C-alpha cells in the first residue's frame, strides 16, 4: 500500500471511530501556528511537519503522529488545555500532547519524568529533539544561541536516556 492510500485508510478509520483524521489534525495544527516562526525565522509549520514525519518514520502510531502535529500548540498558547480536553482525539494523543507541554517555570527534570511516564510520548519527543538538533538548523543561528541549544538538547537527551542519539 502506498503512502497516500495508507493515509486515506487511516483517515477513514479515525472518522469511523469519531476522531479527527490526521489531515484534520494537520490543518488544525498548521492553522494554530499560522504566522508563528521558529528561531531561524522559518514558518513554524515546517517544524511541526518535521516532527510528525519523524514520528511516523520511527514507527509511531496514528495517535503519536497526531501528537507530533500538536506537540507545541498548548505550550505555545496556540490552543488551550480546554480545547485539547474537548477535542475529538484519542486519549493517548491528548496524554502525549499534555506530557510534551512544558509548564511555566517547570524544572526540566519534572518535564522529562512526565514524558518518560507517558506511554508514546518519548517517541514523539525523539522526533522533536532530532529536528531541533539538526545541524543545518543550528548552523543558521548565531553562535551563542546555537551553543545554548546544543547544550539544552544534550541535557534533555541525557535525562530521557537518549545519549546515543544525535
C-alpha atoms as a PDB file:
ATOM      1  CA  UNK A   1       0.000   0.000   0.000  1.00  0.00           C
ATOM      2  CA  UNK A   2       1.488   3.385  -0.977  1.00  0.00           C
ATOM      3  CA  UNK A   3       1.722   6.282   1.487  1.00  0.00           C
ATOM      4  CA  UNK A   4      -1.299   8.131   0.071  1.00  0.00           C
ATOM      5  CA  UNK A   5      -3.544   5.057   0.198  1.00  0.00           C
ATOM      6  CA  UNK A   6      -2.354   4.242   3.716  1.00  0.00           C
ATOM      7  CA  UNK A   7      -3.086   7.790   4.876  1.00  0.00           C
ATOM      8  CA  UNK A   8      -6.581   7.694   3.356  1.00  0.00           C
ATOM      9  CA  UNK A   9      -7.252   4.371   5.086  1.00  0.00           C
ATOM     10  CA  UNK A  10      -6.097   5.759   8.465  1.00  0.00           C
ATOM     11  CA  UNK A  11      -8.217   8.872   7.958  1.00  0.00           C
ATOM     12  CA  UNK A  12     -11.319   6.753   7.240  1.00  0.00           C
ATOM     13  CA  UNK A  13     -10.682   4.641  10.344  1.00  0.00           C
ATOM     14  CA  UNK A  14     -10.291   7.769  12.508  1.00  0.00           C
ATOM     15  CA  UNK A  15     -13.509   9.253  11.201  1.00  0.00           C
ATOM     16  CA  UNK A  16     -15.350   5.984  11.784  1.00  0.00           C
ATOM     17  CA  UNK A  17     -14.173   5.993  15.414  1.00  0.00           C
ATOM     18  CA  UNK A  18     -15.353   9.589  15.811  1.00  0.00           C
ATOM     19  CA  UNK A  19     -11.861  11.094  15.911  1.00  0.00           C
ATOM     20  CA  UNK A  20     -10.323  13.810  13.814  1.00  0.00           C
ATOM     21  CA  UNK A  21      -8.371  12.446  10.864  1.00  0.00           C
ATOM     22  CA  UNK A  22      -4.650  13.125  10.600  1.00  0.00           C
ATOM     23  CA  UNK A  23      -5.411  15.550   7.758  1.00  0.00           C
ATOM     24  CA  UNK A  24      -7.786  17.431  10.048  1.00  0.00           C
ATOM     25  CA  UNK A  25      -5.240  17.407  12.886  1.00  0.00           C
ATOM     26  CA  UNK A  26      -2.598  18.721  10.497  1.00  0.00           C
ATOM     27  CA  UNK A  27      -4.907  21.521   9.338  1.00  0.00           C
ATOM     28  CA  UNK A  28      -5.726  22.474  12.935  1.00  0.00           C
ATOM     29  CA  UNK A  29      -2.047  22.479  13.951  1.00  0.00           C
ATOM     30  CA  UNK A  30      -0.958  24.460  10.897  1.00  0.00           C
ATOM     31  CA  UNK A  31      -3.779  26.933  11.488  1.00  0.00           C
ATOM     32  CA  UNK A  32      -2.892  27.282  15.160  1.00  0.00           C
ATOM     33  CA  UNK A  33       0.745  28.046  14.321  1.00  0.00           C
ATOM     34  CA  UNK A  34      -0.059  30.315  11.346  1.00  0.00           C
ATOM     35  CA  UNK A  35       2.106  33.415  11.474  1.00  0.00           C
ATOM     36  CA  UNK A  36       4.494  31.892  14.026  1.00  0.00           C
ATOM     37  CA  UNK A  37       8.165  31.487  13.119  1.00  0.00           C
ATOM     38  CA  UNK A  38      10.915  29.402  14.682  1.00  0.00           C
ATOM     39  CA  UNK A  39      14.280  30.680  15.947  1.00  0.00           C
ATOM     40  CA  UNK A  40      15.557  30.581  12.356  1.00  0.00           C
ATOM     41  CA  UNK A  41      12.716  32.756  11.117  1.00  0.00           C
ATOM     42  CA  UNK A  42      11.106  29.856   9.226  1.00  0.00           C
ATOM     43  CA  UNK A  43       7.358  29.201   9.333  1.00  0.00           C
ATOM     44  CA  UNK A  44       6.621  27.084  12.411  1.00  0.00           C
ATOM     45  CA  UNK A  45       4.611  24.714  10.215  1.00  0.00           C
ATOM     46  CA  UNK A  46       7.927  23.343   8.938  1.00  0.00           C
ATOM     47  CA  UNK A  47       8.869  22.216  12.446  1.00  0.00           C
ATOM     48  CA  UNK A  48       5.591  20.529  13.295  1.00  0.00           C
ATOM     49  CA  UNK A  49       5.552  18.790   9.896  1.00  0.00           C
ATOM     50  CA  UNK A  50       9.097  17.522  10.527  1.00  0.00           C
ATOM     51  CA  UNK A  51       8.103  16.209  13.959  1.00  0.00           C
ATOM     52  CA  UNK A  52       5.021  14.444  12.547  1.00  0.00           C
ATOM     53  CA  UNK A  53       7.147  12.919   9.732  1.00  0.00           C
ATOM     54  CA  UNK A  54       9.872  11.943  12.205  1.00  0.00           C
ATOM     55  CA  UNK A  55       7.300  10.309  14.458  1.00  0.00           C
ATOM     56  CA  UNK A  56       5.923   8.302  11.534  1.00  0.00           C
ATOM     57  CA  UNK A  57       9.437   7.341  10.383  1.00  0.00           C
ATOM     58  CA  UNK A  58      10.168   5.993  13.868  1.00  0.00           C
ATOM     59  CA  UNK A  59       7.128   3.716  13.649  1.00  0.00           C
ATOM     60  CA  UNK A  60       4.743   5.960  15.542  1.00  0.00           C
ATOM     61  CA  UNK A  61       1.070   5.130  15.763  1.00  0.00           C
ATOM     62  CA  UNK A  62      -1.654   7.391  14.373  1.00  0.00           C
ATOM     63  CA  UNK A  63      -2.184   8.758  17.890  1.00  0.00           C
ATOM     64  CA  UNK A  64       1.527   9.579  18.176  1.00  0.00           C
ATOM     65  CA  UNK A  65       1.637  11.205  14.723  1.00  0.00           C
ATOM     66  CA  UNK A  66      -1.336  13.384  15.699  1.00  0.00           C
ATOM     67  CA  UNK A  67       0.547  14.338  18.868  1.00  0.00           C
ATOM     68  CA  UNK A  68       3.554  15.198  16.701  1.00  0.00           C
ATOM     69  CA  UNK A  69       1.427  17.687  14.807  1.00  0.00           C
ATOM     70  CA  UNK A  70       0.003  19.143  18.025  1.00  0.00           C
ATOM     71  CA  UNK A  71       3.019  18.843  20.335  1.00  0.00           C
ATOM     72  CA  UNK A  72       3.669  22.596  20.698  1.00  0.00           C
ATOM     73  CA  UNK A  73       0.162  24.007  20.327  1.00  0.00           C
ATOM     74  CA  UNK A  74      -0.699  24.173  24.037  1.00  0.00           C
ATOM     75  CA  UNK A  75       2.822  25.059  25.206  1.00  0.00           C
ATOM     76  CA  UNK A  76       2.943  27.953  22.721  1.00  0.00           C
ATOM     77  CA  UNK A  77      -0.561  29.098  23.768  1.00  0.00           C
ATOM     78  CA  UNK A  78      -1.887  28.453  20.269  1.00  0.00           C
ATOM     79  CA  UNK A  79      -4.609  26.109  21.561  1.00  0.00           C
ATOM     80  CA  UNK A  80      -5.891  25.840  25.111  1.00  0.00           C
ATOM     81  CA  UNK A  81      -5.882  22.904  27.509  1.00  0.00           C
ATOM     82  CA  UNK A  82      -9.673  23.097  27.328  1.00  0.00           C
ATOM     83  CA  UNK A  83      -9.555  22.725  23.542  1.00  0.00           C
ATOM     84  CA  UNK A  84      -7.313  19.677  23.915  1.00  0.00           C
ATOM     85  CA  UNK A  85      -9.561  18.094  26.547  1.00  0.00           C
ATOM     86  CA  UNK A  86     -12.653  18.515  24.365  1.00  0.00           C
ATOM     87  CA  UNK A  87     -11.047  17.636  21.011  1.00  0.00           C
ATOM     88  CA  UNK A  88     -12.170  14.532  19.128  1.00  0.00           C
ATOM     89  CA  UNK A  89      -8.815  12.829  19.672  1.00  0.00           C
ATOM     90  CA  UNK A  90      -7.828   9.524  21.245  1.00  0.00           C
ATOM     91  CA  UNK A  91      -6.942   9.796  24.932  1.00  0.00           C
ATOM     92  CA  UNK A  92      -3.419   8.625  24.014  1.00  0.00           C
ATOM     93  CA  UNK A  93      -2.919  11.677  21.789  1.00  0.00           C
ATOM     94  CA  UNK A  94      -4.222  14.013  24.479  1.00  0.00           C
ATOM     95  CA  UNK A  95      -1.952  12.437  27.105  1.00  0.00           C
ATOM     96  CA  UNK A  96       1.110  12.729  24.852  1.00  0.00           C
ATOM     97  CA  UNK A  97       0.426  16.378  23.997  1.00  0.00           C
ATOM     98  CA  UNK A  98      -0.081  17.113  27.695  1.00  0.00           C
ATOM     99  CA  UNK A  99       3.151  15.310  28.592  1.00  0.00           C
ATOM    100  CA  UNK A 100       5.081  17.279  25.963  1.00  0.00           C
ATOM    101  CA  UNK A 101       3.664  20.600  27.187  1.00  0.00           C
ATOM    102  CA  UNK A 102       6.244  22.106  29.494  1.00  0.00           C
ATOM    103  CA  UNK A 103       4.696  24.169  32.263  1.00  0.00           C
ATOM    104  CA  UNK A 104       5.937  27.674  33.068  1.00  0.00           C
ATOM    105  CA  UNK A 105       8.929  27.542  35.436  1.00  0.00           C
ATOM    106  CA  UNK A 106       8.829  23.733  35.431  1.00  0.00           C
ATOM    107  CA  UNK A 107      12.177  22.092  36.204  1.00  0.00           C
ATOM    108  CA  UNK A 108      13.452  20.087  33.249  1.00  0.00           C
ATOM    109  CA  UNK A 109      13.698  17.021  35.499  1.00  0.00           C
ATOM    110  CA  UNK A 110       9.934  17.088  36.166  1.00  0.00           C
ATOM    111  CA  UNK A 111       9.193  17.664  32.494  1.00  0.00           C
ATOM    112  CA  UNK A 112      11.327  14.733  31.345  1.00  0.00           C
ATOM    113  CA  UNK A 113       9.937  12.470  34.086  1.00  0.00           C
ATOM    114  CA  UNK A 114       6.413  13.152  32.798  1.00  0.00           C
ATOM    115  CA  UNK A 115       7.485  12.339  29.241  1.00  0.00           C
ATOM    116  CA  UNK A 116       9.037   9.054  30.387  1.00  0.00           C
ATOM    117  CA  UNK A 117       5.918   8.182  32.397  1.00  0.00           C
ATOM    118  CA  UNK A 118       3.529   8.756  29.479  1.00  0.00           C
ATOM    119  CA  UNK A 119       3.220   5.880  27.002  1.00  0.00           C
ATOM    120  CA  UNK A 120       4.108   7.007  23.500  1.00  0.00           C
ATOM    121  CA  UNK A 121       5.484  10.433  24.454  1.00  0.00           C
ATOM    122  CA  UNK A 122       9.176   9.558  24.246  1.00  0.00           C
ATOM    123  CA  UNK A 123       8.964   8.609  20.576  1.00  0.00           C
ATOM    124  CA  UNK A 124       7.386  11.971  19.695  1.00  0.00           C
ATOM    125  CA  UNK A 125       9.967  13.807  21.817  1.00  0.00           C
ATOM    126  CA  UNK A 126      12.736  11.924  19.988  1.00  0.00           C
ATOM    127  CA  UNK A 127      11.388  13.265  16.688  1.00  0.00           C
ATOM    128  CA  UNK A 128      11.164  16.769  18.167  1.00  0.00           C
ATOM    129  CA  UNK A 129      14.714  16.657  19.510  1.00  0.00           C
ATOM    130  CA  UNK A 130      16.037  15.290  16.211  1.00  0.00           C
ATOM    131  CA  UNK A 131      14.573  18.195  14.277  1.00  0.00           C
ATOM    132  CA  UNK A 132      15.574  20.788  16.865  1.00  0.00           C
ATOM    133  CA  UNK A 133      19.130  19.399  16.915  1.00  0.00           C
ATOM    134  CA  UNK A 134      19.514  19.256  13.137  1.00  0.00           C
ATOM    135  CA  UNK A 135      22.956  20.703  12.343  1.00  0.00           C
ATOM    136  CA  UNK A 136      21.556  22.584   9.341  1.00  0.00           C
ATOM    137  CA  UNK A 137      19.018  24.382  11.508  1.00  0.00           C
ATOM    138  CA  UNK A 138      21.549  25.130  14.230  1.00  0.00           C
ATOM    139  CA  UNK A 139      24.116  26.441  11.709  1.00  0.00           C
ATOM    140  CA  UNK A 140      21.834  29.296  10.691  1.00  0.00           C
ATOM    141  CA  UNK A 141      21.630  30.626  14.262  1.00  0.00           C
ATOM    142  CA  UNK A 142      24.077  32.971  15.922  1.00  0.00           C
ATOM    143  CA  UNK A 143      26.857  31.119  17.682  1.00  0.00           C
ATOM    144  CA  UNK A 144      25.713  31.844  21.265  1.00  0.00           C
ATOM    145  CA  UNK A 145      22.146  30.678  20.571  1.00  0.00           C
ATOM    146  CA  UNK A 146      23.328  27.544  18.754  1.00  0.00           C
ATOM    147  CA  UNK A 147      25.701  26.617  21.602  1.00  0.00           C
ATOM    148  CA  UNK A 148      22.976  27.202  24.203  1.00  0.00           C
ATOM    149  CA  UNK A 149      20.563  24.982  22.280  1.00  0.00           C
ATOM    150  CA  UNK A 150      23.136  22.232  21.721  1.00  0.00           C
ATOM    151  CA  UNK A 151      23.700  22.127  25.493  1.00  0.00           C
ATOM    152  CA  UNK A 152      19.959  22.260  26.215  1.00  0.00           C
ATOM    153  CA  UNK A 153      19.167  19.385  23.838  1.00  0.00           C
ATOM    154  CA  UNK A 154      22.104  17.319  25.114  1.00  0.00           C
ATOM    155  CA  UNK A 155      20.804  17.697  28.685  1.00  0.00           C
ATOM    156  CA  UNK A 156      17.308  16.738  27.544  1.00  0.00           C
ATOM    157  CA  UNK A 157      18.621  13.611  25.772  1.00  0.00           C
ATOM    158  CA  UNK A 158      20.613  12.701  28.881  1.00  0.00           C
ATOM    159  CA  UNK A 159      17.562  12.948  31.137  1.00  0.00           C
ATOM    160  CA  UNK A 160      15.491  10.927  28.663  1.00  0.00           C
ATOM    161  CA  UNK A 161      18.126   8.206  28.314  1.00  0.00           C
ATOM    162  CA  UNK A 162      18.807   9.098  24.689  1.00  0.00           C
ATOM    163  CA  UNK A 163      22.519   9.851  24.905  1.00  0.00           C
ATOM    164  CA  UNK A 164      23.263   7.583  21.934  1.00  0.00           C
ATOM    165  CA  UNK A 165      21.103   9.764  19.656  1.00  0.00           C
ATOM    166  CA  UNK A 166      22.180  12.957  17.952  1.00  0.00           C
END
